């Protein structure tokens, strides 16, 4: 909730973020995808509807710390292996 309030991101934009979208060095988050839902496709990731939806949002120290806490608590990704 803190991340949403401090950045002004829409829930769909927050759900569309990847680790690569969070730039701690430059203290910005890059918004270039969002999570959407339709009856036909279910949930899916899509680019924003307008060009102005693709943007960089500055991060405060407090928001950076919140992102770091979230990332620290995430389960480690298992390697994806294709057999066959």
N, C-alpha and C. Protein backbone atom coordinates (compact mmCIF):
# COMPACT_ATOMS: atom_id res chain seq x y z
N UNK A 1 0.83 -1.19 0.00
CA UNK A 1 0.00 0.00 0.00
C UNK A 1 0.88 1.26 0.00
N UNK A 2 1.95 1.23 0.76
CA UNK A 2 2.85 2.39 0.82
C UNK A 2 3.39 2.73 -0.56
N UNK A 3 3.78 1.71 -1.31
CA UNK A 3 4.33 1.94 -2.65
C UNK A 3 3.29 2.61 -3.54
N UNK A 4 2.06 2.14 -3.48
CA UNK A 4 0.98 2.74 -4.28
C UNK A 4 0.76 4.20 -3.89
N UNK A 5 0.69 4.47 -2.61
CA UNK A 5 0.43 5.83 -2.14
C UNK A 5 1.57 6.79 -2.46
N UNK A 6 2.80 6.34 -2.29
CA UNK A 6 3.96 7.22 -2.48
C UNK A 6 4.31 7.46 -3.95
N UNK A 7 3.92 6.51 -4.83
CA UNK A 7 4.29 6.65 -6.24
C UNK A 7 3.12 7.11 -7.11
N UNK A 8 1.89 6.88 -6.66
CA UNK A 8 0.73 7.20 -7.48
C UNK A 8 0.46 6.17 -8.57
N UNK A 9 1.13 5.02 -8.48
CA UNK A 9 0.91 3.96 -9.47
C UNK A 9 -0.50 3.40 -9.35
N UNK A 10 -1.03 2.97 -10.47
CA UNK A 10 -2.28 2.21 -10.46
C UNK A 10 -1.95 0.78 -10.04
N UNK A 11 -2.91 0.08 -9.48
CA UNK A 11 -2.68 -1.31 -9.06
C UNK A 11 -2.23 -2.15 -10.25
N UNK A 12 -2.85 -1.94 -11.41
CA UNK A 12 -2.47 -2.71 -12.60
C UNK A 12 -1.02 -2.44 -13.01
N UNK A 13 -0.54 -1.22 -12.80
CA UNK A 13 0.85 -0.89 -13.13
C UNK A 13 1.81 -1.56 -12.15
N UNK A 14 1.46 -1.54 -10.86
CA UNK A 14 2.30 -2.19 -9.86
C UNK A 14 2.39 -3.69 -10.14
N UNK A 15 1.26 -4.30 -10.51
CA UNK A 15 1.24 -5.74 -10.81
C UNK A 15 2.01 -6.07 -12.08
N UNK A 16 2.20 -5.11 -12.96
CA UNK A 16 2.94 -5.33 -14.19
C UNK A 16 4.44 -5.12 -14.07
N UNK A 17 4.92 -4.75 -12.88
CA UNK A 17 6.35 -4.49 -12.69
C UNK A 17 7.16 -5.78 -12.63
N UNK A 18 8.40 -5.68 -13.11
CA UNK A 18 9.39 -6.74 -12.92
C UNK A 18 10.55 -6.14 -12.15
N UNK A 19 11.43 -6.99 -11.68
CA UNK A 19 12.61 -6.51 -10.94
C UNK A 19 13.42 -5.54 -11.80
N UNK A 20 13.48 -5.80 -13.09
CA UNK A 20 14.26 -4.95 -14.00
C UNK A 20 13.67 -3.54 -14.13
N UNK A 21 12.40 -3.37 -13.78
CA UNK A 21 11.76 -2.06 -13.89
C UNK A 21 12.12 -1.12 -12.74
N UNK A 22 12.71 -1.65 -11.69
CA UNK A 22 13.04 -0.84 -10.52
C UNK A 22 14.52 -0.47 -10.60
N UNK A 23 14.79 0.80 -10.82
CA UNK A 23 16.15 1.30 -10.99
C UNK A 23 16.56 2.01 -9.69
N UNK A 24 17.21 1.24 -8.80
CA UNK A 24 17.61 1.80 -7.51
C UNK A 24 18.69 2.86 -7.67
N UNK A 25 19.57 2.69 -8.64
CA UNK A 25 20.67 3.64 -8.84
C UNK A 25 20.14 5.03 -9.18
N UNK A 26 19.18 5.10 -10.10
CA UNK A 26 18.63 6.39 -10.52
C UNK A 26 17.35 6.77 -9.76
N UNK A 27 16.96 5.91 -8.83
CA UNK A 27 15.80 6.15 -7.95
C UNK A 27 14.51 6.41 -8.74
N UNK A 28 14.26 5.54 -9.72
CA UNK A 28 13.02 5.61 -10.49
C UNK A 28 12.48 4.20 -10.71
N UNK A 29 11.19 4.14 -10.99
CA UNK A 29 10.57 2.90 -11.43
C UNK A 29 10.05 3.16 -12.84
N UNK A 30 10.30 2.21 -13.73
CA UNK A 30 9.92 2.36 -15.13
C UNK A 30 8.59 1.65 -15.35
N UNK A 31 7.60 2.42 -15.76
CA UNK A 31 6.27 1.87 -16.03
C UNK A 31 6.15 1.66 -17.53
N UNK A 32 6.15 0.40 -17.94
CA UNK A 32 6.00 0.11 -19.37
C UNK A 32 5.06 -1.07 -19.63
N UNK A 33 4.52 -1.66 -18.56
CA UNK A 33 3.54 -2.74 -18.69
C UNK A 33 2.53 -2.63 -17.56
N UNK A 34 1.39 -3.28 -17.76
CA UNK A 34 0.37 -3.35 -16.72
C UNK A 34 -0.33 -4.70 -16.81
N UNK A 35 -0.91 -5.12 -15.70
CA UNK A 35 -1.67 -6.37 -15.64
C UNK A 35 -3.12 -6.06 -15.96
N UNK A 36 -3.67 -6.76 -16.94
CA UNK A 36 -5.06 -6.57 -17.33
C UNK A 36 -5.80 -7.90 -17.25
N UNK A 37 -7.13 -7.84 -17.33
CA UNK A 37 -7.95 -9.06 -17.29
C UNK A 37 -9.08 -8.91 -18.29
N UNK A 38 -9.32 -9.99 -19.03
CA UNK A 38 -10.47 -10.02 -19.93
C UNK A 38 -11.14 -11.39 -19.80
N UNK A 39 -12.39 -11.46 -20.21
CA UNK A 39 -13.10 -12.74 -20.16
C UNK A 39 -12.45 -13.76 -21.08
N UNK A 40 -11.98 -13.30 -22.23
CA UNK A 40 -11.40 -14.21 -23.22
C UNK A 40 -10.01 -14.71 -22.82
N UNK A 41 -9.16 -13.81 -22.32
CA UNK A 41 -7.76 -14.15 -22.04
C UNK A 41 -7.46 -14.40 -20.58
N UNK A 42 -8.33 -14.03 -19.69
CA UNK A 42 -7.99 -14.07 -18.27
C UNK A 42 -7.02 -12.93 -17.97
N UNK A 43 -6.07 -13.17 -17.07
CA UNK A 43 -5.06 -12.15 -16.75
C UNK A 43 -3.95 -12.19 -17.78
N UNK A 44 -3.47 -11.01 -18.17
CA UNK A 44 -2.36 -10.91 -19.11
C UNK A 44 -1.65 -9.57 -18.93
N UNK A 45 -0.40 -9.53 -19.39
CA UNK A 45 0.42 -8.32 -19.30
C UNK A 45 0.38 -7.61 -20.65
N UNK A 46 0.18 -6.29 -20.60
CA UNK A 46 0.06 -5.48 -21.82
C UNK A 46 0.73 -4.13 -21.60
N UNK A 47 1.13 -3.48 -22.67
CA UNK A 47 1.66 -2.13 -22.56
C UNK A 47 0.51 -1.18 -22.22
N UNK A 48 0.81 -0.02 -21.64
CA UNK A 48 -0.26 0.95 -21.34
C UNK A 48 -1.01 1.37 -22.60
N UNK A 49 -2.23 1.81 -22.41
CA UNK A 49 -3.11 2.17 -23.53
C UNK A 49 -2.60 3.38 -24.31
N UNK A 50 -1.93 4.31 -23.63
CA UNK A 50 -1.44 5.52 -24.30
C UNK A 50 0.07 5.66 -24.11
N UNK A 51 0.70 6.46 -24.96
CA UNK A 51 2.14 6.70 -24.85
C UNK A 51 2.50 7.36 -23.53
N UNK A 52 1.60 8.20 -23.02
CA UNK A 52 1.89 8.89 -21.76
C UNK A 52 1.86 7.93 -20.57
N UNK A 53 1.29 6.74 -20.77
CA UNK A 53 1.28 5.73 -19.71
C UNK A 53 2.65 5.10 -19.50
N UNK A 54 3.51 5.18 -20.51
CA UNK A 54 4.88 4.69 -20.39
C UNK A 54 5.72 5.83 -19.84
N UNK A 55 6.27 5.63 -18.65
CA UNK A 55 6.94 6.74 -17.99
C UNK A 55 7.88 6.24 -16.90
N UNK A 56 8.67 7.15 -16.35
CA UNK A 56 9.52 6.88 -15.20
C UNK A 56 8.96 7.66 -14.02
N UNK A 57 8.80 6.97 -12.90
CA UNK A 57 8.26 7.60 -11.70
C UNK A 57 9.39 7.68 -10.67
N UNK A 58 9.67 8.89 -10.15
CA UNK A 58 10.72 9.02 -9.14
C UNK A 58 10.35 8.30 -7.85
N UNK A 59 11.37 7.77 -7.18
CA UNK A 59 11.17 7.04 -5.93
C UNK A 59 11.80 7.80 -4.76
N UNK A 60 11.06 7.90 -3.68
CA UNK A 60 11.60 8.49 -2.45
C UNK A 60 12.43 7.42 -1.73
N UNK A 61 13.23 7.83 -0.77
CA UNK A 61 14.03 6.90 0.02
C UNK A 61 13.10 5.87 0.69
N UNK A 62 11.98 6.33 1.21
CA UNK A 62 11.03 5.44 1.89
C UNK A 62 10.46 4.39 0.92
N UNK A 63 10.18 4.80 -0.30
CA UNK A 63 9.64 3.89 -1.30
C UNK A 63 10.70 2.89 -1.75
N UNK A 64 11.92 3.33 -1.90
CA UNK A 64 13.02 2.42 -2.25
C UNK A 64 13.16 1.36 -1.18
N UNK A 65 13.11 1.76 0.08
CA UNK A 65 13.22 0.80 1.18
C UNK A 65 12.05 -0.19 1.17
N UNK A 66 10.86 0.28 0.82
CA UNK A 66 9.69 -0.61 0.73
C UNK A 66 9.89 -1.63 -0.38
N UNK A 67 10.36 -1.19 -1.55
CA UNK A 67 10.64 -2.12 -2.65
C UNK A 67 11.71 -3.13 -2.24
N UNK A 68 12.74 -2.68 -1.54
CA UNK A 68 13.80 -3.59 -1.11
C UNK A 68 13.27 -4.64 -0.14
N UNK A 69 12.37 -4.24 0.76
CA UNK A 69 11.76 -5.21 1.69
C UNK A 69 10.94 -6.26 0.94
N UNK A 70 10.16 -5.80 -0.03
CA UNK A 70 9.35 -6.72 -0.83
C UNK A 70 10.24 -7.70 -1.57
N UNK A 71 11.30 -7.20 -2.19
CA UNK A 71 12.19 -8.06 -2.97
C UNK A 71 12.94 -9.05 -2.08
N UNK A 72 13.27 -8.64 -0.88
CA UNK A 72 13.97 -9.52 0.05
C UNK A 72 13.08 -10.68 0.48
N UNK A 73 11.78 -10.44 0.60
CA UNK A 73 10.83 -11.46 1.06
C UNK A 73 10.35 -12.38 -0.06
N UNK A 74 10.61 -12.01 -1.31
CA UNK A 74 10.17 -12.84 -2.44
C UNK A 74 10.89 -14.17 -2.43
N UNK A 75 10.18 -15.25 -2.79
CA UNK A 75 10.87 -16.53 -2.92
C UNK A 75 11.85 -16.48 -4.09
N UNK A 76 12.94 -17.19 -3.94
CA UNK A 76 13.94 -17.24 -5.01
C UNK A 76 13.35 -17.99 -6.21
N UNK A 77 13.63 -17.50 -7.39
CA UNK A 77 13.13 -18.13 -8.61
C UNK A 77 13.91 -19.41 -8.88
N UNK A 78 13.18 -20.44 -9.25
CA UNK A 78 13.80 -21.70 -9.63
C UNK A 78 14.23 -21.62 -11.09
N UNK A 79 15.35 -22.25 -11.44
CA UNK A 79 15.75 -22.25 -12.85
C UNK A 79 14.70 -22.95 -13.70
N UNK A 80 14.47 -22.42 -14.87
CA UNK A 80 13.48 -22.98 -15.79
C UNK A 80 14.22 -23.87 -16.78
N UNK A 81 13.90 -25.16 -16.77
CA UNK A 81 14.59 -26.12 -17.63
C UNK A 81 13.58 -26.74 -18.58
N UNK A 82 13.93 -26.76 -19.86
CA UNK A 82 13.09 -27.42 -20.86
C UNK A 82 13.76 -28.74 -21.21
N UNK A 83 13.02 -29.82 -21.04
CA UNK A 83 13.56 -31.15 -21.32
C UNK A 83 12.84 -31.72 -22.53
N UNK A 84 13.60 -32.04 -23.52
CA UNK A 84 12.89 -32.70 -24.58
C UNK A 84 13.30 -32.40 -25.93
